Amino acid sequence: MRHVRVIGIGAGNPEHMTVQAITALNSADVLFIPTKGAEKAALAQARRDICTRFLTRDVHTQEFAVPVRRSDADYTETVNAWHAAIAQTYADLIATLTETQTAAFLVWGDPSLYDSTIRILERVKDMGQVAFDYDVIPGITSIQALCASHRIPLNLIGKPVHITTGRAASTEDFSNGASAVVMLDGEQAFNRLHEHDATIYWGAYLGSAQEITVAGNLAEVADTITKARAEARAANGWIMDTYLIRTAKDFDV
């Protein structure tokens, strides 16, 4: 049966590749490399660089264009339609494999965290157009890279960790003592959280040569982050950033 490997490749540094991921990479007959337009050409190139660095055998690479998500309708509706389009693209790619071949998708960060490759593959299976199985190889997440760059633990002692998105962050309560990680924040929700006596640990392009980090009292450094983010996006054409907000300490006294 055709086999698909979903390989987490880390947050931007080729050295984030685990031994398991490198072994999985070299077990594939075909590597599917997504392209997302000129603005995110660096992401496709990072995948190519990983292949050049770690492949020890001849493996065919097949690049494919990722369908574009609409932005003119309800968010859930547009994401569902977008995933359906990607699922058809995946089905067409997998159908090009012979019955005994293995293919791999190289997933930024880890396939379990704010990535939809797994759920889209499940959608492909439900479509019934092509028979295959798949496995998942974990990768280093941007959250781990963020904590490493700032030299901080993710959690406070005895307190929970909350992971959310920028879309949801502006309406959430950050005063409960949890360490809150915010991802996919195109709205820069941290600018609306100044009422909290919070500390922010922010990072962009984590693990890569372009990495930028800022930390401090949220009210004091929010403008610095906003400016750094805008300048980096203008310079690179895209940005991936993640941050952690805390409103408590290990020991409240």
Protein backbone atom coordinates (compact mmCIF):
# COMPACT_ATOMS: atom_id res chain seq x y z
CA MET A 1 0.00 0.00 0.00
CA ARG A 2 1.12 3.56 -0.62
CA HIS A 3 2.60 5.08 2.52
CA VAL A 4 2.86 8.73 3.58
CA ARG A 5 5.21 10.05 6.26
CA VAL A 6 4.36 13.36 7.97
CA ILE A 7 7.72 14.66 9.19
CA GLY A 8 8.12 17.53 11.63
CA ILE A 9 11.19 19.50 10.54
CA GLY A 10 11.46 22.03 13.37
CA ALA A 11 10.97 25.76 13.59
CA GLY A 12 13.55 27.00 11.12
CA ASN A 13 16.99 25.71 12.08
CA PRO A 14 18.09 22.66 10.02
CA GLU A 15 19.70 21.33 13.20
CA HIS A 16 16.22 20.98 14.70
CA MET A 17 15.91 17.82 12.60
CA THR A 18 15.83 14.81 14.90
CA VAL A 19 17.57 11.52 14.13
CA GLN A 20 14.12 9.99 13.67
CA ALA A 21 13.16 12.72 11.19
CA ILE A 22 16.38 12.27 9.20
CA THR A 23 15.82 8.51 9.05
CA ALA A 24 12.23 9.06 7.90
CA LEU A 25 13.39 11.54 5.26
CA ASN A 26 15.76 8.97 3.83
CA SER A 27 13.12 6.25 3.84
CA ALA A 28 10.95 8.15 1.34
CA ASP A 29 10.85 7.60 -2.40
CA VAL A 30 9.23 11.00 -3.03
CA LEU A 31 9.29 14.24 -1.04
CA PHE A 32 6.36 16.62 -1.51
CA ILE A 33 7.55 20.23 -1.18
CA PRO A 34 4.82 22.92 -0.88
CA THR A 35 5.26 26.33 -2.46
CA LYS A 36 3.27 29.28 -1.15
CA GLY A 37 4.08 32.06 -3.59
CA ALA A 38 7.00 34.47 -3.84
CA GLU A 39 6.45 35.97 -0.38
CA LYS A 40 7.10 32.64 1.34
CA ALA A 41 9.70 31.27 -1.05
CA ALA A 42 12.09 31.07 1.90
CA LEU A 43 9.96 28.35 3.49
CA ALA A 44 10.19 26.14 0.41
CA GLN A 45 13.92 26.87 0.19
CA ALA A 46 14.39 25.87 3.83
CA ARG A 47 12.84 22.49 3.01
CA ARG A 48 15.14 22.12 -0.01
CA ASP A 49 18.14 22.98 2.17
CA ILE A 50 17.15 20.30 4.68
CA CYS A 51 16.94 17.78 1.85
CA THR A 52 20.36 18.78 0.51
CA ARG A 53 21.91 18.55 3.96
CA PHE A 54 20.41 15.32 5.24
CA LEU A 55 19.54 13.09 2.31
CA THR A 56 22.04 10.26 1.86
CA ARG A 57 20.27 8.64 -1.08
CA ASP A 58 18.64 9.70 -4.31
CA VAL A 59 15.09 10.82 -3.51
CA HIS A 60 12.73 12.46 -5.97
CA THR A 61 11.26 15.80 -4.89
CA GLN A 62 7.94 17.01 -6.24
CA GLU A 63 6.91 20.59 -5.62
CA PHE A 64 3.26 21.57 -5.56
CA ALA A 65 1.33 24.81 -5.23
CA VAL A 66 -0.76 25.20 -2.09
CA PRO A 67 -4.31 26.41 -2.83
CA VAL A 68 -4.93 29.98 -1.71
CA ARG A 69 -7.38 30.58 1.11
CA ARG A 70 -10.18 33.07 0.48
CA SER A 71 -10.61 35.91 2.97
CA ASP A 72 -13.99 37.27 1.90
CA ALA A 73 -16.31 35.06 3.96
CA ASP A 74 -16.78 33.50 7.40
CA TYR A 75 -13.49 32.25 8.86
CA THR A 76 -14.67 28.68 9.56
CA GLU A 77 -16.31 28.46 6.14
CA THR A 78 -13.19 29.65 4.31
CA VAL A 79 -10.87 27.32 6.23
CA ASN A 80 -13.15 24.36 5.53
CA ALA A 81 -13.22 25.19 1.80
CA TRP A 82 -9.44 25.72 1.81
CA HIS A 83 -8.83 22.36 3.48
CA ALA A 84 -11.10 20.69 0.94
CA ALA A 85 -9.02 22.17 -1.89
CA ILE A 86 -5.77 21.07 -0.24
CA ALA A 87 -7.21 17.59 0.35
CA GLN A 88 -7.87 17.23 -3.38
CA THR A 89 -4.31 18.38 -4.10
CA TYR A 90 -2.97 15.78 -1.63
CA ALA A 91 -5.14 13.06 -3.14
CA ASP A 92 -3.80 13.85 -6.62
CA LEU A 93 -0.20 13.78 -5.33
CA ILE A 94 -0.60 10.49 -3.47
CA ALA A 95 -2.29 8.93 -6.49
CA THR A 96 0.95 9.42 -8.47
CA LEU A 97 2.72 6.92 -6.19
CA THR A 98 3.00 3.27 -7.05
CA GLU A 99 1.48 0.79 -4.61
CA THR A 100 4.85 0.19 -2.93
CA GLN A 101 6.17 3.75 -2.73
CA THR A 102 6.55 6.01 0.31
CA ALA A 103 6.14 9.79 0.17
CA ALA A 104 6.81 12.43 2.80
CA PHE A 105 5.38 15.83 3.65
CA LEU A 106 7.85 18.09 5.49
CA VAL A 107 5.87 19.99 8.11
CA TRP A 108 7.15 23.20 9.71
CA GLY A 109 7.49 22.77 13.48
CA ASP A 110 5.47 19.78 14.67
CA PRO A 111 2.49 18.20 12.86
CA SER A 112 0.39 18.27 16.05
CA LEU A 113 0.55 22.02 16.74
CA TYR A 114 -1.46 24.47 14.61
CA ASP A 115 -0.80 22.48 11.47
CA SER A 116 -3.53 20.78 9.47
CA THR A 117 -1.61 18.12 7.53
CA ILE A 118 -2.95 15.28 9.70
CA ARG A 119 -6.59 16.38 9.54
CA ILE A 120 -6.30 16.96 5.78
CA LEU A 121 -4.86 13.47 5.25
CA GLU A 122 -7.79 12.09 7.23
CA ARG A 123 -10.08 14.01 4.89
CA VAL A 124 -8.28 12.46 1.91
CA LYS A 125 -8.84 8.98 3.36
CA ASP A 126 -12.55 9.77 3.81
CA MET A 127 -12.76 10.88 0.17
CA GLY A 128 -11.91 7.32 -0.87
CA GLN A 129 -10.10 8.31 -4.07
CA VAL A 130 -6.76 6.70 -3.19
CA ALA A 131 -5.74 4.04 -0.65
CA PHE A 132 -2.79 4.79 1.64
CA ASP A 133 -1.65 4.73 5.23
CA TYR A 134 0.54 7.22 7.08
CA ASP A 135 2.63 7.82 10.16
CA VAL A 136 3.76 10.96 12.00
CA ILE A 137 7.26 11.95 13.11
CA PRO A 138 7.32 14.75 15.72
CA GLY A 139 9.41 17.89 15.40
CA ILE A 140 10.66 20.77 17.53
CA THR A 141 7.97 23.44 17.83
CA SER A 142 8.28 27.21 17.72
CA ILE A 143 7.22 27.16 21.40
CA GLN A 144 10.25 25.08 22.33
CA ALA A 145 12.49 27.30 20.20
CA LEU A 146 11.01 30.42 21.83
CA CYS A 147 11.68 29.15 25.35
CA ALA A 148 15.20 28.07 24.43
CA SER A 149 16.06 31.46 22.90
CA HIS A 150 14.76 33.32 25.98
CA ARG A 151 16.21 30.72 28.40
CA ILE A 152 12.91 30.25 30.21
CA PRO A 153 10.78 27.26 31.19
CA LEU A 154 7.42 27.08 29.45
CA ASN A 155 5.40 26.61 32.62
CA LEU A 156 5.39 28.17 36.06
CA ILE A 157 5.56 25.82 39.05
CA GLY A 158 2.20 24.14 39.58
CA LYS A 159 0.48 26.37 37.01
CA PRO A 160 -1.07 25.52 33.63
CA VAL A 161 -0.03 26.47 30.12
CA HIS A 162 -2.57 27.87 27.68
CA ILE A 163 -1.96 27.84 23.91
CA THR A 164 -4.12 30.03 21.70
CA THR A 165 -4.16 32.11 18.53
CA GLY A 166 -4.04 35.84 17.92
CA ARG A 167 -7.61 35.68 16.64
CA ALA A 168 -8.80 34.39 20.03
CA ALA A 169 -6.30 36.15 22.30
CA SER A 170 -7.91 39.58 22.27
CA THR A 171 -11.05 38.21 23.95
CA GLU A 172 -9.40 35.87 26.45
CA ASP A 173 -8.60 36.41 30.13
CA PHE A 174 -4.85 36.44 30.81
CA SER A 175 -5.15 37.19 34.52
CA ASN A 176 -5.51 33.60 35.77
CA GLY A 177 -1.81 32.95 36.33
CA ALA A 178 -1.36 30.65 33.36
CA SER A 179 1.54 30.94 30.95
CA ALA A 180 -0.24 31.82 27.69
CA VAL A 181 1.39 31.10 24.33
CA VAL A 182 -0.03 33.00 21.38
CA MET A 183 0.57 31.77 17.83
CA LEU A 184 -0.59 32.87 14.38
CA ASP A 185 -1.09 36.43 15.57
CA GLY A 186 -1.44 38.47 12.41
CA GLU A 187 -3.61 40.86 14.44
CA GLN A 188 -0.88 41.64 17.02
CA ALA A 189 -3.33 40.99 19.85
CA PHE A 190 -0.67 41.78 22.46
CA ASN A 191 -1.32 45.48 21.78
CA ARG A 192 -4.76 45.08 23.35
CA LEU A 193 -3.55 43.43 26.55
CA HIS A 194 -1.82 46.38 28.21
CA GLU A 195 -4.22 46.41 31.13
CA HIS A 196 -2.49 43.36 32.54
CA ASP A 197 0.78 43.64 34.48
CA ALA A 198 2.26 41.08 32.12
CA THR A 199 5.67 39.98 30.91
CA ILE A 200 6.00 39.06 27.25
CA TYR A 201 8.61 36.85 25.57
CA TRP A 202 8.36 37.38 21.81
CA GLY A 203 10.28 35.82 18.94
CA ALA A 204 10.15 35.79 15.14
CA TYR A 205 11.87 33.46 12.64
CA LEU A 206 12.80 31.34 15.63
CA GLY A 207 15.82 29.11 15.15
CA SER A 208 16.77 30.73 11.85
CA ALA A 209 19.54 33.17 10.95
CA GLN A 210 16.95 35.98 10.95
CA GLU A 211 15.74 35.28 14.49
CA ILE A 212 14.54 38.32 16.46
CA THR A 213 13.61 38.24 20.15
CA VAL A 214 12.24 40.84 22.56
CA ALA A 215 11.30 40.39 26.22
CA GLY A 216 10.06 42.64 29.00
CA ASN A 217 7.05 44.25 30.60
CA LEU A 218 4.32 44.14 27.97
CA ALA A 219 3.32 47.80 28.31
CA GLU A 220 6.96 48.87 27.92
CA VAL A 221 8.00 46.70 24.97
CA ALA A 222 4.80 46.38 22.91
CA ASP A 223 5.74 49.29 20.65
CA THR A 224 9.24 47.85 20.19
CA ILE A 225 7.75 44.51 19.10
CA THR A 226 5.27 46.20 16.77
CA LYS A 227 8.06 48.15 15.08
CA ALA A 228 10.43 45.16 14.86
CA ARG A 229 7.64 43.01 13.43
CA ALA A 230 6.71 45.56 10.76
CA GLU A 231 10.32 46.10 9.72
CA ALA A 232 11.02 42.36 9.51
CA ARG A 233 7.88 41.70 7.48
CA ALA A 234 8.78 44.49 5.07
CA ALA A 235 12.32 43.17 4.69
CA ASN A 236 11.43 39.49 4.26
CA GLY A 237 7.95 39.62 2.74
CA TRP A 238 6.54 37.32 5.46
CA ILE A 239 6.83 36.71 9.17
CA MET A 240 6.29 33.87 11.61
CA ASP A 241 6.24 34.92 15.24
CA THR A 242 5.22 33.41 18.56
CA TYR A 243 5.08 34.83 22.07
CA LEU A 244 4.45 33.85 25.65
CA ILE A 245 2.63 36.11 28.12
CA ARG A 246 2.81 35.72 31.90
CA THR A 247 0.87 37.53 34.60
CA ALA A 248 2.24 35.53 37.55
CA LYS A 249 5.48 34.18 39.01
CA ASP A 250 6.65 30.77 40.22
CA PHE A 251 5.97 31.76 43.83
CA ASP A 252 3.32 34.40 44.54
CA VAL A 253 4.31 36.41 47.65
